[in-house]
mmCIF file of all heavy atoms, coordinates in Angstrom:
data_MODEL
# 
_entry.id   MODEL 
# 
loop_
_atom_site.group_PDB 
_atom_site.id 
_atom_site.type_symbol 
_atom_site.label_atom_id 
_atom_site.label_alt_id 
_atom_site.label_comp_id 
_atom_site.label_asym_id 
_atom_site.label_entity_id 
_atom_site.label_seq_id 
_atom_site.pdbx_PDB_ins_code 
_atom_site.Cartn_x 
_atom_site.Cartn_y 
_atom_site.Cartn_z 
_atom_site.occupancy 
_atom_site.B_iso_or_equiv 
_atom_site.pdbx_formal_charge 
_atom_site.auth_seq_id 
_atom_site.auth_comp_id 
_atom_site.auth_asym_id 
_atom_site.auth_atom_id 
_atom_site.pdbx_PDB_model_num 
ATOM 1   N N   . LEU A 1 1  ? 30.000 46.734 -72.178 1.00 0.00 ? 1  LEU A N   1 
ATOM 2   C CA  . LEU A 1 1  ? 31.187 45.923 -72.573 1.00 0.00 ? 1  LEU A CA  1 
ATOM 3   C C   . LEU A 1 1  ? 31.573 44.932 -71.472 1.00 0.00 ? 1  LEU A C   1 
ATOM 4   O O   . LEU A 1 1  ? 32.036 43.814 -71.761 1.00 0.00 ? 1  LEU A O   1 
ATOM 5   C CB  . LEU A 1 1  ? 32.329 46.864 -72.923 1.00 0.00 ? 1  LEU A CB  1 
ATOM 6   C CG  . LEU A 1 1  ? 32.163 47.762 -74.141 1.00 0.00 ? 1  LEU A CG  1 
ATOM 7   C CD1 . LEU A 1 1  ? 33.313 48.624 -74.317 1.00 0.00 ? 1  LEU A CD1 1 
ATOM 8   C CD2 . LEU A 1 1  ? 31.926 46.881 -75.393 1.00 0.00 ? 1  LEU A CD2 1 
ATOM 9   N N   . GLN A 1 2  ? 31.467 45.344 -70.174 1.00 0.00 ? 2  GLN A N   1 
ATOM 10  C CA  . GLN A 1 2  ? 31.763 44.421 -69.104 1.00 0.00 ? 2  GLN A CA  1 
ATOM 11  C C   . GLN A 1 2  ? 30.859 43.269 -69.057 1.00 0.00 ? 2  GLN A C   1 
ATOM 12  O O   . GLN A 1 2  ? 31.321 42.142 -68.793 1.00 0.00 ? 2  GLN A O   1 
ATOM 13  C CB  . GLN A 1 2  ? 31.737 45.236 -67.753 1.00 0.00 ? 2  GLN A CB  1 
ATOM 14  C CG  . GLN A 1 2  ? 32.361 44.503 -66.586 1.00 0.00 ? 2  GLN A CG  1 
ATOM 15  C CD  . GLN A 1 2  ? 33.844 44.552 -66.590 1.00 0.00 ? 2  GLN A CD  1 
ATOM 16  O OE1 . GLN A 1 2  ? 34.454 45.584 -66.632 1.00 0.00 ? 2  GLN A OE1 1 
ATOM 17  N NE2 . GLN A 1 2  ? 34.480 43.372 -66.460 1.00 0.00 ? 2  GLN A NE2 1 
ATOM 18  N N   . ASP A 1 3  ? 29.615 43.402 -69.311 1.00 0.00 ? 3  ASP A N   1 
ATOM 19  C CA  . ASP A 1 3  ? 28.629 42.339 -69.379 1.00 0.00 ? 3  ASP A CA  1 
ATOM 20  C C   . ASP A 1 3  ? 29.048 41.436 -70.542 1.00 0.00 ? 3  ASP A C   1 
ATOM 21  O O   . ASP A 1 3  ? 28.926 40.146 -70.373 1.00 0.00 ? 3  ASP A O   1 
ATOM 22  C CB  . ASP A 1 3  ? 27.194 42.893 -69.539 1.00 0.00 ? 3  ASP A CB  1 
ATOM 23  C CG  . ASP A 1 3  ? 26.817 43.693 -68.238 1.00 0.00 ? 3  ASP A CG  1 
ATOM 24  O OD1 . ASP A 1 3  ? 27.377 43.401 -67.207 1.00 0.00 ? 3  ASP A OD1 1 
ATOM 25  O OD2 . ASP A 1 3  ? 25.830 44.441 -68.387 1.00 0.00 ? 3  ASP A OD2 1 
ATOM 26  N N   . ILE A 1 4  ? 29.308 41.949 -71.669 1.00 0.00 ? 4  ILE A N   1 
ATOM 27  C CA  . ILE A 1 4  ? 29.688 41.091 -72.808 1.00 0.00 ? 4  ILE A CA  1 
ATOM 28  C C   . ILE A 1 4  ? 30.959 40.353 -72.520 1.00 0.00 ? 4  ILE A C   1 
ATOM 29  O O   . ILE A 1 4  ? 31.067 39.172 -72.878 1.00 0.00 ? 4  ILE A O   1 
ATOM 30  C CB  . ILE A 1 4  ? 29.809 42.021 -74.041 1.00 0.00 ? 4  ILE A CB  1 
ATOM 31  C CG1 . ILE A 1 4  ? 28.438 42.626 -74.524 1.00 0.00 ? 4  ILE A CG1 1 
ATOM 32  C CG2 . ILE A 1 4  ? 30.324 41.179 -75.262 1.00 0.00 ? 4  ILE A CG2 1 
ATOM 33  C CD1 . ILE A 1 4  ? 28.590 43.688 -75.588 1.00 0.00 ? 4  ILE A CD1 1 
ATOM 34  N N   . LEU A 1 5  ? 31.910 41.018 -71.851 1.00 0.00 ? 5  LEU A N   1 
ATOM 35  C CA  . LEU A 1 5  ? 33.181 40.279 -71.514 1.00 0.00 ? 5  LEU A CA  1 
ATOM 36  C C   . LEU A 1 5  ? 32.970 39.114 -70.636 1.00 0.00 ? 5  LEU A C   1 
ATOM 37  O O   . LEU A 1 5  ? 33.710 38.086 -70.709 1.00 0.00 ? 5  LEU A O   1 
ATOM 38  C CB  . LEU A 1 5  ? 34.079 41.268 -70.752 1.00 0.00 ? 5  LEU A CB  1 
ATOM 39  C CG  . LEU A 1 5  ? 35.489 40.753 -70.343 1.00 0.00 ? 5  LEU A CG  1 
ATOM 40  C CD1 . LEU A 1 5  ? 36.312 40.389 -71.660 1.00 0.00 ? 5  LEU A CD1 1 
ATOM 41  C CD2 . LEU A 1 5  ? 36.223 41.755 -69.598 1.00 0.00 ? 5  LEU A CD2 1 
ATOM 42  N N   . ASP A 1 6  ? 31.884 39.092 -69.838 1.00 0.00 ? 6  ASP A N   1 
ATOM 43  C CA  . ASP A 1 6  ? 31.516 37.931 -68.982 1.00 0.00 ? 6  ASP A CA  1 
ATOM 44  C C   . ASP A 1 6  ? 31.297 36.714 -69.883 1.00 0.00 ? 6  ASP A C   1 
ATOM 45  O O   . ASP A 1 6  ? 31.625 35.578 -69.472 1.00 0.00 ? 6  ASP A O   1 
ATOM 46  C CB  . ASP A 1 6  ? 30.280 38.178 -68.062 1.00 0.00 ? 6  ASP A CB  1 
ATOM 47  C CG  . ASP A 1 6  ? 30.638 39.195 -67.012 1.00 0.00 ? 6  ASP A CG  1 
ATOM 48  O OD1 . ASP A 1 6  ? 31.797 39.348 -66.738 1.00 0.00 ? 6  ASP A OD1 1 
ATOM 49  O OD2 . ASP A 1 6  ? 29.710 39.819 -66.507 1.00 0.00 ? 6  ASP A OD2 1 
ATOM 50  N N   . GLY A 1 7  ? 30.595 36.902 -71.048 1.00 0.00 ? 7  GLY A N   1 
ATOM 51  C CA  . GLY A 1 7  ? 30.361 35.786 -71.951 1.00 0.00 ? 7  GLY A CA  1 
ATOM 52  C C   . GLY A 1 7  ? 31.678 35.256 -72.511 1.00 0.00 ? 7  GLY A C   1 
ATOM 53  O O   . GLY A 1 7  ? 31.833 34.050 -72.710 1.00 0.00 ? 7  GLY A O   1 
ATOM 54  N N   . PHE A 1 8  ? 32.603 36.135 -72.917 1.00 0.00 ? 8  PHE A N   1 
ATOM 55  C CA  . PHE A 1 8  ? 33.911 35.653 -73.371 1.00 0.00 ? 8  PHE A CA  1 
ATOM 56  C C   . PHE A 1 8  ? 34.657 34.865 -72.312 1.00 0.00 ? 8  PHE A C   1 
ATOM 57  O O   . PHE A 1 8  ? 35.152 33.791 -72.562 1.00 0.00 ? 8  PHE A O   1 
ATOM 58  C CB  . PHE A 1 8  ? 34.785 36.788 -73.788 1.00 0.00 ? 8  PHE A CB  1 
ATOM 59  C CG  . PHE A 1 8  ? 36.161 36.513 -74.171 1.00 0.00 ? 8  PHE A CG  1 
ATOM 60  C CD1 . PHE A 1 8  ? 36.511 36.055 -75.414 1.00 0.00 ? 8  PHE A CD1 1 
ATOM 61  C CD2 . PHE A 1 8  ? 37.209 36.648 -73.120 1.00 0.00 ? 8  PHE A CD2 1 
ATOM 62  C CE1 . PHE A 1 8  ? 37.795 35.707 -75.720 1.00 0.00 ? 8  PHE A CE1 1 
ATOM 63  C CE2 . PHE A 1 8  ? 38.481 36.314 -73.488 1.00 0.00 ? 8  PHE A CE2 1 
ATOM 64  C CZ  . PHE A 1 8  ? 38.814 35.867 -74.756 1.00 0.00 ? 8  PHE A CZ  1 
ATOM 65  N N   . ILE A 1 9  ? 34.500 35.330 -71.029 1.00 0.00 ? 9  ILE A N   1 
ATOM 66  C CA  . ILE A 1 9  ? 35.269 34.611 -70.017 1.00 0.00 ? 9  ILE A CA  1 
ATOM 67  C C   . ILE A 1 9  ? 34.701 33.304 -69.741 1.00 0.00 ? 9  ILE A C   1 
ATOM 68  O O   . ILE A 1 9  ? 35.387 32.240 -69.501 1.00 0.00 ? 9  ILE A O   1 
ATOM 69  C CB  . ILE A 1 9  ? 35.206 35.514 -68.700 1.00 0.00 ? 9  ILE A CB  1 
ATOM 70  C CG1 . ILE A 1 9  ? 36.042 36.730 -68.856 1.00 0.00 ? 9  ILE A CG1 1 
ATOM 71  C CG2 . ILE A 1 9  ? 35.685 34.702 -67.513 1.00 0.00 ? 9  ILE A CG2 1 
ATOM 72  C CD1 . ILE A 1 9  ? 35.874 37.747 -67.722 1.00 0.00 ? 9  ILE A CD1 1 
ATOM 73  N N   . GLN A 1 10 ? 33.293 33.121 -69.748 1.00 0.00 ? 10 GLN A N   1 
ATOM 74  C CA  . GLN A 1 10 ? 32.659 31.853 -69.522 1.00 0.00 ? 10 GLN A CA  1 
ATOM 75  C C   . GLN A 1 10 ? 33.142 30.854 -70.647 1.00 0.00 ? 10 GLN A C   1 
ATOM 76  O O   . GLN A 1 10 ? 33.255 29.705 -70.331 1.00 0.00 ? 10 GLN A O   1 
ATOM 77  C CB  . GLN A 1 10 ? 31.162 32.036 -69.557 1.00 0.00 ? 10 GLN A CB  1 
ATOM 78  C CG  . GLN A 1 10 ? 30.601 32.725 -68.344 1.00 0.00 ? 10 GLN A CG  1 
ATOM 79  C CD  . GLN A 1 10 ? 30.768 31.941 -67.061 1.00 0.00 ? 10 GLN A CD  1 
ATOM 80  O OE1 . GLN A 1 10 ? 30.735 30.753 -67.084 1.00 0.00 ? 10 GLN A OE1 1 
ATOM 81  N NE2 . GLN A 1 10 ? 30.755 32.619 -65.920 1.00 0.00 ? 10 GLN A NE2 1 
ATOM 82  N N   . LYS A 1 11 ? 33.209 31.351 -71.793 1.00 0.00 ? 11 LYS A N   1 
ATOM 83  C CA  . LYS A 1 11 ? 33.465 30.395 -72.901 1.00 0.00 ? 11 LYS A CA  1 
ATOM 84  C C   . LYS A 1 11 ? 34.983 30.099 -73.202 1.00 0.00 ? 11 LYS A C   1 
ATOM 85  O O   . LYS A 1 11 ? 35.306 28.943 -73.530 1.00 0.00 ? 11 LYS A O   1 
ATOM 86  C CB  . LYS A 1 11 ? 32.884 30.941 -74.259 1.00 0.00 ? 11 LYS A CB  1 
ATOM 87  C CG  . LYS A 1 11 ? 32.911 30.002 -75.404 1.00 0.00 ? 11 LYS A CG  1 
ATOM 88  C CD  . LYS A 1 11 ? 32.186 30.483 -76.564 1.00 0.00 ? 11 LYS A CD  1 
ATOM 89  C CE  . LYS A 1 11 ? 32.213 29.556 -77.752 1.00 0.00 ? 11 LYS A CE  1 
ATOM 90  N NZ  . LYS A 1 11 ? 31.416 29.978 -78.866 1.00 0.00 ? 11 LYS A NZ  1 
ATOM 91  N N   . TYR A 1 12 ? 35.793 31.104 -73.068 1.00 0.00 ? 12 TYR A N   1 
ATOM 92  C CA  . TYR A 1 12 ? 37.189 31.009 -73.442 1.00 0.00 ? 12 TYR A CA  1 
ATOM 93  C C   . TYR A 1 12 ? 38.214 31.068 -72.395 1.00 0.00 ? 12 TYR A C   1 
ATOM 94  O O   . TYR A 1 12 ? 39.446 30.993 -72.575 1.00 0.00 ? 12 TYR A O   1 
ATOM 95  C CB  . TYR A 1 12 ? 37.514 32.038 -74.517 1.00 0.00 ? 12 TYR A CB  1 
ATOM 96  C CG  . TYR A 1 12 ? 36.883 31.772 -75.819 1.00 0.00 ? 12 TYR A CG  1 
ATOM 97  C CD1 . TYR A 1 12 ? 35.665 32.495 -76.237 1.00 0.00 ? 12 TYR A CD1 1 
ATOM 98  C CD2 . TYR A 1 12 ? 37.391 30.884 -76.829 1.00 0.00 ? 12 TYR A CD2 1 
ATOM 99  C CE1 . TYR A 1 12 ? 35.070 32.260 -77.399 1.00 0.00 ? 12 TYR A CE1 1 
ATOM 100 C CE2 . TYR A 1 12 ? 36.795 30.653 -77.959 1.00 0.00 ? 12 TYR A CE2 1 
ATOM 101 C CZ  . TYR A 1 12 ? 35.561 31.354 -78.307 1.00 0.00 ? 12 TYR A CZ  1 
ATOM 102 O OH  . TYR A 1 12 ? 34.980 31.149 -79.522 1.00 0.00 ? 12 TYR A OH  1 
ATOM 103 N N   . VAL A 1 13 ? 37.731 31.271 -71.105 1.00 0.00 ? 13 VAL A N   1 
ATOM 104 C CA  . VAL A 1 13 ? 38.736 31.555 -69.987 1.00 0.00 ? 13 VAL A CA  1 
ATOM 105 C C   . VAL A 1 13 ? 38.541 30.461 -68.892 1.00 0.00 ? 13 VAL A C   1 
ATOM 106 O O   . VAL A 1 13 ? 39.411 29.845 -68.474 1.00 0.00 ? 13 VAL A O   1 
ATOM 107 C CB  . VAL A 1 13 ? 38.739 32.924 -69.427 1.00 0.00 ? 13 VAL A CB  1 
ATOM 108 C CG1 . VAL A 1 13 ? 39.660 33.049 -68.286 1.00 0.00 ? 13 VAL A CG1 1 
ATOM 109 C CG2 . VAL A 1 13 ? 39.036 33.917 -70.520 1.00 0.00 ? 13 VAL A CG2 1 
ATOM 110 N N   . LEU A 1 14 ? 37.267 30.433 -68.410 1.00 0.00 ? 14 LEU A N   1 
ATOM 111 C CA  . LEU A 1 14 ? 37.022 29.501 -67.247 1.00 0.00 ? 14 LEU A CA  1 
ATOM 112 C C   . LEU A 1 14 ? 37.097 28.075 -67.593 1.00 0.00 ? 14 LEU A C   1 
ATOM 113 O O   . LEU A 1 14 ? 36.606 27.718 -68.651 1.00 0.00 ? 14 LEU A O   1 
ATOM 114 C CB  . LEU A 1 14 ? 35.604 29.873 -66.601 1.00 0.00 ? 14 LEU A CB  1 
ATOM 115 C CG  . LEU A 1 14 ? 35.456 31.332 -66.057 1.00 0.00 ? 14 LEU A CG  1 
ATOM 116 C CD1 . LEU A 1 14 ? 34.044 31.418 -65.437 1.00 0.00 ? 14 LEU A CD1 1 
ATOM 117 C CD2 . LEU A 1 14 ? 36.490 31.651 -64.986 1.00 0.00 ? 14 LEU A CD2 1 
ATOM 118 N N   . CYS A 1 15 ? 37.529 27.228 -66.668 1.00 0.00 ? 15 CYS A N   1 
ATOM 119 C CA  . CYS A 1 15 ? 37.575 25.807 -66.775 1.00 0.00 ? 15 CYS A CA  1 
ATOM 120 C C   . CYS A 1 15 ? 36.111 25.351 -66.666 1.00 0.00 ? 15 CYS A C   1 
ATOM 121 O O   . CYS A 1 15 ? 35.471 25.642 -65.807 1.00 0.00 ? 15 CYS A O   1 
ATOM 122 C CB  . CYS A 1 15 ? 38.423 25.122 -65.683 1.00 0.00 ? 15 CYS A CB  1 
ATOM 123 S SG  . CYS A 1 15 ? 38.382 23.333 -65.726 1.00 0.00 ? 15 CYS A SG  1 
ATOM 124 N N   . SER A 1 16 ? 35.731 24.390 -67.662 1.00 0.00 ? 16 SER A N   1 
ATOM 125 C CA  . SER A 1 16 ? 34.348 23.933 -67.618 1.00 0.00 ? 16 SER A CA  1 
ATOM 126 C C   . SER A 1 16 ? 34.110 22.989 -66.472 1.00 0.00 ? 16 SER A C   1 
ATOM 127 O O   . SER A 1 16 ? 32.975 22.689 -66.145 1.00 0.00 ? 16 SER A O   1 
ATOM 128 C CB  . SER A 1 16 ? 34.039 23.211 -68.940 1.00 0.00 ? 16 SER A CB  1 
ATOM 129 O OG  . SER A 1 16 ? 35.013 22.192 -69.165 1.00 0.00 ? 16 SER A OG  1 
ATOM 130 N N   . ASN A 1 17 ? 35.173 22.483 -65.807 1.00 0.00 ? 17 ASN A N   1 
ATOM 131 C CA  . ASN A 1 17 ? 35.018 21.562 -64.749 1.00 0.00 ? 17 ASN A CA  1 
ATOM 132 C C   . ASN A 1 17 ? 34.980 22.225 -63.386 1.00 0.00 ? 17 ASN A C   1 
ATOM 133 O O   . ASN A 1 17 ? 34.088 22.024 -62.550 1.00 0.00 ? 17 ASN A O   1 
ATOM 134 C CB  . ASN A 1 17 ? 36.121 20.505 -64.746 1.00 0.00 ? 17 ASN A CB  1 
ATOM 135 C CG  . ASN A 1 17 ? 36.109 19.453 -63.696 1.00 0.00 ? 17 ASN A CG  1 
ATOM 136 O OD1 . ASN A 1 17 ? 34.997 18.866 -63.504 1.00 0.00 ? 17 ASN A OD1 1 
ATOM 137 N ND2 . ASN A 1 17 ? 37.193 19.179 -62.989 1.00 0.00 ? 17 ASN A ND2 1 
ATOM 138 N N   . CYS A 1 18 ? 36.118 23.062 -63.033 1.00 0.00 ? 18 CYS A N   1 
ATOM 139 C CA  . CYS A 1 18 ? 36.156 23.726 -61.762 1.00 0.00 ? 18 CYS A CA  1 
ATOM 140 C C   . CYS A 1 18 ? 35.910 25.103 -61.789 1.00 0.00 ? 18 CYS A C   1 
ATOM 141 O O   . CYS A 1 18 ? 35.922 25.807 -60.679 1.00 0.00 ? 18 CYS A O   1 
ATOM 142 C CB  . CYS A 1 18 ? 37.573 23.418 -61.115 1.00 0.00 ? 18 CYS A CB  1 
ATOM 143 S SG  . CYS A 1 18 ? 38.892 24.200 -62.104 1.00 0.00 ? 18 CYS A SG  1 
ATOM 144 N N   . LYS A 1 19 ? 35.551 25.698 -62.894 1.00 0.00 ? 19 LYS A N   1 
ATOM 145 C CA  . LYS A 1 19 ? 35.264 27.192 -63.001 1.00 0.00 ? 19 LYS A CA  1 
ATOM 146 C C   . LYS A 1 19 ? 36.514 28.031 -62.623 1.00 0.00 ? 19 LYS A C   1 
ATOM 147 O O   . LYS A 1 19 ? 36.229 29.148 -62.170 1.00 0.00 ? 19 LYS A O   1 
ATOM 148 C CB  . LYS A 1 19 ? 34.066 27.598 -62.283 1.00 0.00 ? 19 LYS A CB  1 
ATOM 149 C CG  . LYS A 1 19 ? 32.765 26.764 -62.775 1.00 0.00 ? 19 LYS A CG  1 
ATOM 150 C CD  . LYS A 1 19 ? 32.497 27.065 -64.235 1.00 0.00 ? 19 LYS A CD  1 
ATOM 151 C CE  . LYS A 1 19 ? 31.254 26.353 -64.700 1.00 0.00 ? 19 LYS A CE  1 
ATOM 152 N NZ  . LYS A 1 19 ? 30.952 26.624 -66.140 1.00 0.00 ? 19 LYS A NZ  1 
ATOM 153 N N   . ASN A 1 20 ? 37.703 27.511 -62.714 1.00 0.00 ? 20 ASN A N   1 
ATOM 154 C CA  . ASN A 1 20 ? 38.905 28.256 -62.327 1.00 0.00 ? 20 ASN A CA  1 
ATOM 155 C C   . ASN A 1 20 ? 39.465 28.930 -63.593 1.00 0.00 ? 20 ASN A C   1 
ATOM 156 O O   . ASN A 1 20 ? 39.472 28.271 -64.677 1.00 0.00 ? 20 ASN A O   1 
ATOM 157 C CB  . ASN A 1 20 ? 39.859 27.347 -61.781 1.00 0.00 ? 20 ASN A CB  1 
ATOM 158 C CG  . ASN A 1 20 ? 41.035 28.025 -61.022 1.00 0.00 ? 20 ASN A CG  1 
ATOM 159 O OD1 . ASN A 1 20 ? 41.696 28.830 -61.686 1.00 0.00 ? 20 ASN A OD1 1 
ATOM 160 N ND2 . ASN A 1 20 ? 41.225 27.725 -59.796 1.00 0.00 ? 20 ASN A ND2 1 
ATOM 161 N N   . PRO A 1 21 ? 39.879 30.207 -63.552 1.00 0.00 ? 21 PRO A N   1 
ATOM 162 C CA  . PRO A 1 21 ? 40.434 30.823 -64.759 1.00 0.00 ? 21 PRO A CA  1 
ATOM 163 C C   . PRO A 1 21 ? 41.874 30.503 -65.038 1.00 0.00 ? 21 PRO A C   1 
ATOM 164 O O   . PRO A 1 21 ? 42.456 31.074 -66.005 1.00 0.00 ? 21 PRO A O   1 
ATOM 165 C CB  . PRO A 1 21 ? 40.301 32.282 -64.426 1.00 0.00 ? 21 PRO A CB  1 
ATOM 166 C CG  . PRO A 1 21 ? 40.415 32.384 -62.972 1.00 0.00 ? 21 PRO A CG  1 
ATOM 167 C CD  . PRO A 1 21 ? 39.805 31.141 -62.408 1.00 0.00 ? 21 PRO A CD  1 
ATOM 168 N N   . GLU A 1 22 ? 42.487 29.473 -64.359 1.00 0.00 ? 22 GLU A N   1 
ATOM 169 C CA  . GLU A 1 22 ? 43.925 29.172 -64.638 1.00 0.00 ? 22 GLU A CA  1 
ATOM 170 C C   . GLU A 1 22 ? 43.974 28.182 -65.768 1.00 0.00 ? 22 GLU A C   1 
ATOM 171 O O   . GLU A 1 22 ? 44.376 27.028 -65.675 1.00 0.00 ? 22 GLU A O   1 
ATOM 172 C CB  . GLU A 1 22 ? 44.543 28.624 -63.364 1.00 0.00 ? 22 GLU A CB  1 
ATOM 173 C CG  . GLU A 1 22 ? 44.812 29.679 -62.332 1.00 0.00 ? 22 GLU A CG  1 
ATOM 174 C CD  . GLU A 1 22 ? 45.722 29.121 -61.277 1.00 0.00 ? 22 GLU A CD  1 
ATOM 175 O OE1 . GLU A 1 22 ? 46.491 28.167 -61.509 1.00 0.00 ? 22 GLU A OE1 1 
ATOM 176 O OE2 . GLU A 1 22 ? 45.680 29.615 -60.101 1.00 0.00 ? 22 GLU A OE2 1 
ATOM 177 N N   . THR A 1 23 ? 43.608 28.697 -66.915 1.00 0.00 ? 23 THR A N   1 
ATOM 178 C CA  . THR A 1 23 ? 43.585 27.743 -68.172 1.00 0.00 ? 23 THR A CA  1 
ATOM 179 C C   . THR A 1 23 ? 44.540 28.221 -69.213 1.00 0.00 ? 23 THR A C   1 
ATOM 180 O O   . THR A 1 23 ? 44.682 29.499 -69.346 1.00 0.00 ? 23 THR A O   1 
ATOM 181 C CB  . THR A 1 23 ? 42.177 27.638 -68.749 1.00 0.00 ? 23 THR A CB  1 
ATOM 182 O OG1 . THR A 1 23 ? 41.692 28.993 -69.062 1.00 0.00 ? 23 THR A OG1 1 
ATOM 183 C CG2 . THR A 1 23 ? 41.188 27.032 -67.770 1.00 0.00 ? 23 THR A CG2 1 
ATOM 184 N N   . ASP A 1 24 ? 45.080 27.279 -69.912 1.00 0.00 ? 24 ASP A N   1 
ATOM 185 C CA  . ASP A 1 24 ? 45.901 27.707 -71.064 1.00 0.00 ? 24 ASP A CA  1 
ATOM 186 C C   . ASP A 1 24 ? 45.183 27.350 -72.337 1.00 0.00 ? 24 ASP A C   1 
ATOM 187 O O   . ASP A 1 24 ? 44.428 26.287 -72.409 1.00 0.00 ? 24 ASP A O   1 
ATOM 188 C CB  . ASP A 1 24 ? 47.184 26.881 -71.054 1.00 0.00 ? 24 ASP A CB  1 
ATOM 189 C CG  . ASP A 1 24 ? 48.184 27.370 -70.015 1.00 0.00 ? 24 ASP A CG  1 
ATOM 190 O OD1 . ASP A 1 24 ? 48.061 28.490 -69.627 1.00 0.00 ? 24 ASP A OD1 1 
ATOM 191 O OD2 . ASP A 1 24 ? 49.002 26.575 -69.464 1.00 0.00 ? 24 ASP A OD2 1 
# 
């Protein structure tokens, strides 16, 4: 599940420009 969560974070959490998770 932790590995699958990485995919969610890449798509719906991290900024596509700076890879920072401070996104709304």
